[in-house]
Amino acid sequence: MTFGRDESGVQNGVTFATSTLGNGVGGVARTVGGIVGAGGRGIGETIASTTGKAGQPIGQALADATTGIEGGTKRVAEGVEAAGRAPGR
């Protein structure tokens, strides 16, 4: 018998489902963010290197913007995953 915890089978099932869903959504968000960030940095570097000084600010701006998107989706993913965890776990 566990003292201080009153968990039913239904509660454990719901906790498992929300945790699984949260981890799945969080993983997808991280993947999409990583793809956007890496792709944007690659395209930005290509623009900067092929256009010289004229295109460098545009390429850098694109790289910076997509890196920001990547960081934002990472934070959203962490929040979704944390929301799926049951209190105290």
N, C-alpha and C. Protein backbone atom coordinates (compact mmCIF):
# COMPACT_ATOMS: atom_id res chain seq x y z
N MET A 1 0.84 -1.17 0.00
CA MET A 1 0.00 0.00 0.00
C MET A 1 0.89 1.24 0.00
N THR A 2 0.55 2.19 -0.84
CA THR A 2 1.30 3.43 -0.94
C THR A 2 0.58 4.50 -0.14
N PHE A 3 1.30 5.12 0.77
CA PHE A 3 0.70 6.16 1.60
C PHE A 3 0.84 7.51 0.90
N GLY A 4 -0.20 8.32 0.95
CA GLY A 4 -0.14 9.66 0.39
C GLY A 4 -0.47 9.74 -1.08
N ARG A 5 -0.75 8.59 -1.68
CA ARG A 5 -1.11 8.58 -3.10
C ARG A 5 -2.35 7.74 -3.29
N ASP A 6 -3.31 8.31 -3.95
CA ASP A 6 -4.54 7.59 -4.24
C ASP A 6 -4.72 7.59 -5.75
N GLU A 7 -4.07 6.66 -6.41
CA GLU A 7 -4.13 6.60 -7.86
C GLU A 7 -4.94 5.38 -8.29
N SER A 8 -5.89 5.63 -9.15
CA SER A 8 -6.69 4.53 -9.67
C SER A 8 -6.11 4.07 -11.00
N GLY A 9 -6.61 2.95 -11.48
CA GLY A 9 -6.19 2.46 -12.79
C GLY A 9 -6.54 3.44 -13.89
N VAL A 10 -7.70 4.09 -13.76
CA VAL A 10 -8.12 5.06 -14.76
C VAL A 10 -7.16 6.25 -14.77
N GLN A 11 -6.80 6.73 -13.60
CA GLN A 11 -5.87 7.86 -13.52
C GLN A 11 -4.53 7.49 -14.12
N ASN A 12 -4.05 6.30 -13.84
CA ASN A 12 -2.78 5.86 -14.42
C ASN A 12 -2.87 5.77 -15.94
N GLY A 13 -4.02 5.29 -16.44
CA GLY A 13 -4.20 5.21 -17.89
C GLY A 13 -4.23 6.57 -18.55
N VAL A 14 -4.92 7.51 -17.92
CA VAL A 14 -4.98 8.87 -18.46
C VAL A 14 -3.60 9.51 -18.42
N THR A 15 -2.88 9.31 -17.33
CA THR A 15 -1.52 9.84 -17.22
C THR A 15 -0.63 9.28 -18.31
N PHE A 16 -0.74 7.99 -18.57
CA PHE A 16 0.06 7.36 -19.62
C PHE A 16 -0.30 7.96 -20.98
N ALA A 17 -1.58 8.12 -21.26
CA ALA A 17 -2.03 8.65 -22.55
C ALA A 17 -1.57 10.09 -22.76
N THR A 18 -1.73 10.93 -21.73
CA THR A 18 -1.32 12.33 -21.89
C THR A 18 0.19 12.45 -21.99
N SER A 19 0.91 11.61 -21.27
CA SER A 19 2.37 11.63 -21.34
C SER A 19 2.82 11.20 -22.73
N THR A 20 2.22 10.16 -23.26
CA THR A 20 2.58 9.68 -24.59
C THR A 20 2.26 10.72 -25.65
N LEU A 21 1.09 11.33 -25.55
CA LEU A 21 0.70 12.37 -26.50
C LEU A 21 1.64 13.57 -26.40
N GLY A 22 1.92 13.99 -25.17
CA GLY A 22 2.83 15.14 -24.97
C GLY A 22 4.21 14.87 -25.53
N ASN A 23 4.73 13.68 -25.29
CA ASN A 23 6.05 13.34 -25.81
C ASN A 23 6.05 13.27 -27.33
N GLY A 24 4.97 12.74 -27.90
CA GLY A 24 4.87 12.66 -29.36
C GLY A 24 4.81 14.03 -30.00
N VAL A 25 3.94 14.88 -29.48
CA VAL A 25 3.81 16.24 -30.03
C VAL A 25 5.11 17.02 -29.82
N GLY A 26 5.72 16.86 -28.66
CA GLY A 26 6.98 17.53 -28.39
C GLY A 26 8.08 17.08 -29.35
N GLY A 27 8.13 15.79 -29.62
CA GLY A 27 9.13 15.27 -30.56
C GLY A 27 8.94 15.80 -31.97
N VAL A 28 7.68 15.85 -32.40
CA VAL A 28 7.39 16.38 -33.74
C VAL A 28 7.77 17.86 -33.81
N ALA A 29 7.44 18.61 -32.78
CA ALA A 29 7.78 20.04 -32.76
C ALA A 29 9.28 20.25 -32.82
N ARG A 30 10.02 19.45 -32.07
CA ARG A 30 11.49 19.56 -32.11
C ARG A 30 12.03 19.24 -33.50
N THR A 31 11.46 18.22 -34.13
CA THR A 31 11.91 17.82 -35.46
C THR A 31 11.66 18.93 -36.48
N VAL A 32 10.44 19.46 -36.48
CA VAL A 32 10.10 20.53 -37.41
C VAL A 32 10.98 21.76 -37.16
N GLY A 33 11.15 22.12 -35.90
CA GLY A 33 12.00 23.26 -35.58
C GLY A 33 13.43 23.06 -36.03
N GLY A 34 13.94 21.86 -35.83
CA GLY A 34 15.31 21.56 -36.26
C GLY A 34 15.48 21.63 -37.76
N ILE A 35 14.48 21.14 -38.49
CA ILE A 35 14.54 21.18 -39.95
C ILE A 35 14.49 22.63 -40.44
N VAL A 36 13.58 23.41 -39.88
CA VAL A 36 13.46 24.82 -40.27
C VAL A 36 14.76 25.57 -39.95
N GLY A 37 15.30 25.35 -38.76
CA GLY A 37 16.52 26.04 -38.36
C GLY A 37 17.70 25.67 -39.24
N ALA A 38 17.91 24.38 -39.45
CA ALA A 38 19.05 23.95 -40.26
C ALA A 38 18.89 24.38 -41.72
N GLY A 39 17.68 24.23 -42.24
CA GLY A 39 17.43 24.63 -43.62
C GLY A 39 17.64 26.12 -43.83
N GLY A 40 17.13 26.91 -42.91
CA GLY A 40 17.29 28.36 -43.01
C GLY A 40 18.74 28.80 -42.91
N ARG A 41 19.48 28.16 -42.00
CA ARG A 41 20.90 28.50 -41.89
C ARG A 41 21.63 28.14 -43.18
N GLY A 42 21.31 26.97 -43.74
CA GLY A 42 21.96 26.55 -44.99
C GLY A 42 21.64 27.49 -46.14
N ILE A 43 20.38 27.84 -46.29
CA ILE A 43 19.99 28.76 -47.36
C ILE A 43 20.61 30.13 -47.13
N GLY A 44 20.59 30.59 -45.88
CA GLY A 44 21.19 31.89 -45.56
C GLY A 44 22.66 31.93 -45.88
N GLU A 45 23.38 30.87 -45.54
CA GLU A 45 24.82 30.81 -45.84
C GLU A 45 25.06 30.76 -47.34
N THR A 46 24.19 30.05 -48.06
CA THR A 46 24.33 29.98 -49.51
C THR A 46 24.12 31.36 -50.14
N ILE A 47 23.09 32.06 -49.69
CA ILE A 47 22.83 33.41 -50.20
C ILE A 47 24.02 34.32 -49.91
N ALA A 48 24.50 34.26 -48.69
CA ALA A 48 25.62 35.13 -48.30
C ALA A 48 26.88 34.82 -49.10
N SER A 49 27.16 33.55 -49.34
CA SER A 49 28.41 33.21 -50.03
C SER A 49 28.32 33.41 -51.54
N THR A 50 27.14 33.30 -52.12
CA THR A 50 27.04 33.44 -53.58
C THR A 50 26.83 34.88 -54.03
N THR A 51 26.33 35.73 -53.17
CA THR A 51 26.05 37.11 -53.57
C THR A 51 27.08 38.10 -53.05
N GLY A 52 27.98 37.64 -52.22
CA GLY A 52 29.02 38.53 -51.70
C GLY A 52 28.47 39.50 -50.68
N LYS A 53 29.09 40.65 -50.60
CA LYS A 53 28.71 41.63 -49.58
C LYS A 53 27.28 42.11 -49.72
N ALA A 54 26.79 42.17 -50.94
CA ALA A 54 25.43 42.68 -51.16
C ALA A 54 24.38 41.79 -50.51
N GLY A 55 24.56 40.49 -50.60
CA GLY A 55 23.56 39.57 -50.07
C GLY A 55 23.83 39.08 -48.67
N GLN A 56 24.97 39.42 -48.13
CA GLN A 56 25.33 38.93 -46.80
C GLN A 56 24.33 39.31 -45.72
N PRO A 57 23.84 40.55 -45.66
CA PRO A 57 22.85 40.88 -44.63
C PRO A 57 21.54 40.09 -44.77
N ILE A 58 21.14 39.85 -46.00
CA ILE A 58 19.91 39.07 -46.22
C ILE A 58 20.11 37.63 -45.77
N GLY A 59 21.23 37.05 -46.17
CA GLY A 59 21.53 35.67 -45.77
C GLY A 59 21.64 35.52 -44.27
N GLN A 60 22.29 36.48 -43.63
CA GLN A 60 22.44 36.44 -42.17
C GLN A 60 21.10 36.62 -41.48
N ALA A 61 20.26 37.51 -42.01
CA ALA A 61 18.93 37.72 -41.42
C ALA A 61 18.09 36.45 -41.52
N LEU A 62 18.15 35.78 -42.66
CA LEU A 62 17.39 34.53 -42.81
C LEU A 62 17.90 33.47 -41.84
N ALA A 63 19.20 33.35 -41.74
CA ALA A 63 19.78 32.36 -40.81
C ALA A 63 19.38 32.68 -39.37
N ASP A 64 19.44 33.94 -39.00
CA ASP A 64 19.09 34.34 -37.63
C ASP A 64 17.60 34.09 -37.35
N ALA A 65 16.75 34.42 -38.31
CA ALA A 65 15.31 34.24 -38.12
C ALA A 65 14.95 32.77 -37.94
N THR A 66 15.51 31.92 -38.78
CA THR A 66 15.17 30.49 -38.67
C THR A 66 15.80 29.85 -37.44
N THR A 67 16.92 30.36 -37.00
CA THR A 67 17.49 29.87 -35.73
C THR A 67 16.57 30.26 -34.58
N GLY A 68 15.99 31.44 -34.64
CA GLY A 68 15.02 31.86 -33.63
C GLY A 68 13.78 30.98 -33.63
N ILE A 69 13.31 30.61 -34.81
CA ILE A 69 12.16 29.69 -34.91
C ILE A 69 12.51 28.35 -34.29
N GLU A 70 13.71 27.88 -34.57
CA GLU A 70 14.16 26.61 -34.01
C GLU A 70 14.16 26.66 -32.48
N GLY A 71 14.70 27.73 -31.93
CA GLY A 71 14.72 27.88 -30.47
C GLY A 71 13.33 27.97 -29.88
N GLY A 72 12.44 28.68 -30.56
CA GLY A 72 11.07 28.81 -30.08
C GLY A 72 10.33 27.49 -30.07
N THR A 73 10.48 26.71 -31.14
CA THR A 73 9.80 25.42 -31.17
C THR A 73 10.38 24.47 -30.13
N LYS A 74 11.66 24.60 -29.84
CA LYS A 74 12.26 23.76 -28.79
C LYS A 74 11.62 24.07 -27.44
N ARG A 75 11.43 25.36 -27.16
CA ARG A 75 10.81 25.74 -25.88
C ARG A 75 9.34 25.30 -25.82
N VAL A 76 8.64 25.38 -26.94
CA VAL A 76 7.25 24.91 -26.97
C VAL A 76 7.22 23.40 -26.74
N ALA A 77 8.12 22.67 -27.38
CA ALA A 77 8.18 21.22 -27.21
C ALA A 77 8.44 20.85 -25.75
N GLU A 78 9.35 21.55 -25.11
CA GLU A 78 9.64 21.27 -23.70
C GLU A 78 8.40 21.53 -22.84
N GLY A 79 7.65 22.58 -23.15
CA GLY A 79 6.43 22.88 -22.40
C GLY A 79 5.37 21.84 -22.59
N VAL A 80 5.20 21.37 -23.83
CA VAL A 80 4.19 20.34 -24.12
C VAL A 80 4.56 19.05 -23.40
N GLU A 81 5.82 18.68 -23.44
CA GLU A 81 6.25 17.47 -22.76
C GLU A 81 6.07 17.59 -21.25
N ALA A 82 6.38 18.75 -20.69
CA ALA A 82 6.21 18.96 -19.24
C ALA A 82 4.73 18.92 -18.86
N ALA A 83 3.87 19.45 -19.71
CA ALA A 83 2.44 19.43 -19.42
C ALA A 83 1.88 18.01 -19.40
N GLY A 84 2.50 17.12 -20.16
CA GLY A 84 2.04 15.73 -20.20
C GLY A 84 2.46 14.91 -19.01
N ARG A 85 3.42 15.42 -18.26
CA ARG A 85 3.87 14.68 -17.07
C ARG A 85 2.93 14.93 -15.91
N ALA A 86 2.69 13.87 -15.18
CA ALA A 86 1.84 13.99 -13.99
C ALA A 86 2.62 14.72 -12.90
N PRO A 87 1.95 15.45 -12.05
CA PRO A 87 2.63 16.13 -10.94
C PRO A 87 3.41 15.13 -10.08
N GLY A 88 4.60 15.49 -9.75
CA GLY A 88 5.41 14.65 -8.87
C GLY A 88 6.17 13.55 -9.59
N ARG A 89 6.11 13.53 -10.92
CA ARG A 89 6.81 12.46 -11.64
C ARG A 89 7.95 13.00 -12.43
